Amino acid sequence: MSFHQSAEDITLDGSTLRARLRNVDGEWVDAELNLDEVLGNNNGKPLAVINTTRSSLHMYTCFE
């Protein structure tokens, strides 16, 4: 399910993205995400930081 189609009341407060997200039961739940923990900047290109295991971080450039 896309973020856009399953979110409402989306706000950005500094680096914290907040929204109400619909779960599989159709209920709305409050959620937040610190963007500094998952996004970065690689010489002007967006960088996604993905934690695939508890001990391994992978960084992906969003646009080449």
N, C-alpha and C. Protein backbone atom coordinates (compact mmCIF):
# COMPACT_ATOMS: atom_id res chain seq x y z
N MET A 1 0.86 -1.18 0.00
CA MET A 1 0.00 0.00 0.00
C MET A 1 0.90 1.23 0.00
N SER A 2 0.61 2.18 -0.84
CA SER A 2 1.46 3.37 -0.91
C SER A 2 1.25 4.27 0.31
N PHE A 3 2.29 5.02 0.65
CA PHE A 3 2.20 5.97 1.76
C PHE A 3 1.11 6.99 1.49
N HIS A 4 1.12 7.55 0.30
CA HIS A 4 0.17 8.60 -0.06
C HIS A 4 -1.28 8.15 0.08
N GLN A 5 -1.58 6.93 -0.33
CA GLN A 5 -2.96 6.44 -0.30
C GLN A 5 -3.39 5.96 1.09
N SER A 6 -2.45 5.76 2.00
CA SER A 6 -2.81 5.22 3.30
C SER A 6 -2.47 6.15 4.45
N ALA A 7 -2.24 7.44 4.15
CA ALA A 7 -1.86 8.40 5.19
C ALA A 7 -2.75 9.63 5.14
N GLU A 8 -2.90 10.25 6.31
CA GLU A 8 -3.61 11.52 6.41
C GLU A 8 -2.93 12.37 7.48
N ASP A 9 -3.25 13.65 7.52
CA ASP A 9 -2.66 14.57 8.50
C ASP A 9 -1.14 14.49 8.49
N ILE A 10 -0.54 14.54 7.32
CA ILE A 10 0.90 14.44 7.16
C ILE A 10 1.56 15.78 7.48
N THR A 11 2.55 15.76 8.40
CA THR A 11 3.27 16.98 8.75
C THR A 11 4.77 16.67 8.84
N LEU A 12 5.56 17.72 8.68
CA LEU A 12 7.00 17.61 8.84
C LEU A 12 7.42 18.64 9.86
N ASP A 13 8.02 18.18 10.97
CA ASP A 13 8.47 19.06 12.05
C ASP A 13 9.97 18.85 12.19
N GLY A 14 10.74 19.75 11.58
CA GLY A 14 12.19 19.54 11.54
C GLY A 14 12.48 18.32 10.69
N SER A 15 13.12 17.32 11.29
CA SER A 15 13.41 16.09 10.54
C SER A 15 12.42 14.97 10.85
N THR A 16 11.36 15.28 11.60
CA THR A 16 10.38 14.25 11.98
C THR A 16 9.14 14.33 11.10
N LEU A 17 8.90 13.25 10.38
CA LEU A 17 7.70 13.12 9.55
C LEU A 17 6.63 12.46 10.41
N ARG A 18 5.47 13.09 10.52
CA ARG A 18 4.36 12.54 11.31
C ARG A 18 3.14 12.38 10.41
N ALA A 19 2.36 11.34 10.69
CA ALA A 19 1.13 11.10 9.93
C ALA A 19 0.25 10.13 10.69
N ARG A 20 -1.00 10.09 10.28
CA ARG A 20 -1.91 9.03 10.73
C ARG A 20 -1.95 8.03 9.59
N LEU A 21 -1.65 6.77 9.89
CA LEU A 21 -1.57 5.73 8.87
C LEU A 21 -2.65 4.69 9.08
N ARG A 22 -3.24 4.23 7.98
CA ARG A 22 -4.28 3.20 8.05
C ARG A 22 -3.62 1.83 8.13
N ASN A 23 -4.06 1.02 9.10
CA ASN A 23 -3.52 -0.34 9.22
C ASN A 23 -4.40 -1.31 8.43
N VAL A 24 -4.06 -2.60 8.47
CA VAL A 24 -4.79 -3.60 7.67
C VAL A 24 -6.24 -3.75 8.09
N ASP A 25 -6.57 -3.33 9.32
CA ASP A 25 -7.96 -3.39 9.79
C ASP A 25 -8.74 -2.13 9.44
N GLY A 26 -8.09 -1.18 8.75
CA GLY A 26 -8.75 0.05 8.36
C GLY A 26 -8.76 1.11 9.44
N GLU A 27 -8.07 0.86 10.56
CA GLU A 27 -8.00 1.84 11.65
C GLU A 27 -6.85 2.81 11.39
N TRP A 28 -7.00 4.03 11.88
CA TRP A 28 -5.95 5.05 11.75
C TRP A 28 -5.11 5.06 13.00
N VAL A 29 -3.79 5.00 12.83
CA VAL A 29 -2.86 5.01 13.96
C VAL A 29 -1.83 6.12 13.75
N ASP A 30 -1.41 6.75 14.84
CA ASP A 30 -0.39 7.79 14.77
C ASP A 30 0.98 7.15 14.56
N ALA A 31 1.78 7.77 13.70
CA ALA A 31 3.11 7.25 13.41
C ALA A 31 4.06 8.41 13.19
N GLU A 32 5.34 8.16 13.44
CA GLU A 32 6.35 9.17 13.15
C GLU A 32 7.64 8.49 12.73
N LEU A 33 8.44 9.23 11.96
CA LEU A 33 9.70 8.71 11.43
C LEU A 33 10.72 9.84 11.44
N ASN A 34 11.88 9.59 12.02
CA ASN A 34 12.97 10.56 11.99
C ASN A 34 13.69 10.38 10.66
N LEU A 35 13.52 11.33 9.76
CA LEU A 35 14.09 11.23 8.43
C LEU A 35 15.62 11.22 8.44
N ASP A 36 16.24 11.83 9.46
CA ASP A 36 17.69 11.81 9.56
C ASP A 36 18.23 10.39 9.74
N GLU A 37 17.40 9.47 10.20
CA GLU A 37 17.82 8.09 10.40
C GLU A 37 17.72 7.25 9.13
N VAL A 38 17.00 7.73 8.12
CA VAL A 38 16.80 6.92 6.91
C VAL A 38 17.16 7.63 5.61
N LEU A 39 17.40 8.94 5.66
CA LEU A 39 17.75 9.69 4.46
C LEU A 39 19.03 10.47 4.70
N GLY A 40 19.79 10.62 3.65
CA GLY A 40 21.01 11.40 3.73
C GLY A 40 21.25 12.14 2.43
N ASN A 41 22.44 12.72 2.32
CA ASN A 41 22.82 13.50 1.16
C ASN A 41 24.20 13.02 0.72
N ASN A 42 24.29 12.55 -0.50
CA ASN A 42 25.55 12.08 -1.07
C ASN A 42 25.95 13.02 -2.20
N ASN A 43 26.65 14.11 -1.84
CA ASN A 43 27.12 15.06 -2.83
C ASN A 43 25.98 15.61 -3.69
N GLY A 44 24.87 15.96 -3.04
CA GLY A 44 23.73 16.54 -3.75
C GLY A 44 22.71 15.54 -4.25
N LYS A 45 22.94 14.24 -3.99
CA LYS A 45 21.99 13.21 -4.40
C LYS A 45 21.35 12.59 -3.15
N PRO A 46 20.02 12.37 -3.18
CA PRO A 46 19.38 11.74 -2.02
C PRO A 46 19.98 10.36 -1.77
N LEU A 47 20.09 10.01 -0.50
CA LEU A 47 20.68 8.74 -0.11
C LEU A 47 19.74 8.07 0.89
N ALA A 48 19.32 6.84 0.60
CA ALA A 48 18.47 6.08 1.52
C ALA A 48 19.35 5.15 2.34
N VAL A 49 19.19 5.17 3.66
CA VAL A 49 19.93 4.30 4.55
C VAL A 49 18.96 3.24 5.04
N ILE A 50 19.25 1.98 4.70
CA ILE A 50 18.33 0.89 5.02
C ILE A 50 19.03 -0.10 5.94
N ASN A 51 18.42 -0.37 7.09
CA ASN A 51 18.96 -1.33 8.05
C ASN A 51 18.34 -2.68 7.72
N THR A 52 19.10 -3.56 7.04
CA THR A 52 18.56 -4.85 6.64
C THR A 52 18.71 -5.91 7.73
N THR A 53 19.65 -5.72 8.61
CA THR A 53 19.80 -6.59 9.79
C THR A 53 20.18 -5.69 10.95
N ARG A 54 20.19 -6.22 12.12
CA ARG A 54 20.53 -5.41 13.28
C ARG A 54 21.98 -4.91 13.23
N SER A 55 22.85 -5.58 12.50
CA SER A 55 24.26 -5.18 12.48
C SER A 55 24.72 -4.68 11.13
N SER A 56 23.84 -4.55 10.16
CA SER A 56 24.26 -4.19 8.81
C SER A 56 23.45 -3.02 8.28
N LEU A 57 24.14 -1.95 7.91
CA LEU A 57 23.49 -0.81 7.28
C LEU A 57 23.91 -0.76 5.82
N HIS A 58 22.95 -0.52 4.95
CA HIS A 58 23.23 -0.38 3.53
C HIS A 58 22.77 1.00 3.10
N MET A 59 23.56 1.67 2.26
CA MET A 59 23.19 2.97 1.76
C MET A 59 23.00 2.91 0.27
N TYR A 60 21.90 3.47 -0.20
CA TYR A 60 21.55 3.45 -1.61
C TYR A 60 21.33 4.87 -2.09
N THR A 61 21.95 5.21 -3.20
CA THR A 61 21.67 6.48 -3.83
C THR A 61 20.34 6.37 -4.54
N CYS A 62 19.46 7.32 -4.28
CA CYS A 62 18.11 7.27 -4.85
C CYS A 62 18.12 7.58 -6.35
N PHE A 63 19.00 8.44 -6.78
CA PHE A 63 19.06 8.84 -8.19
C PHE A 63 20.50 8.82 -8.64
N GLU A 64 20.76 8.15 -9.71
CA GLU A 64 22.12 8.08 -10.27
C GLU A 64 22.26 9.09 -11.38
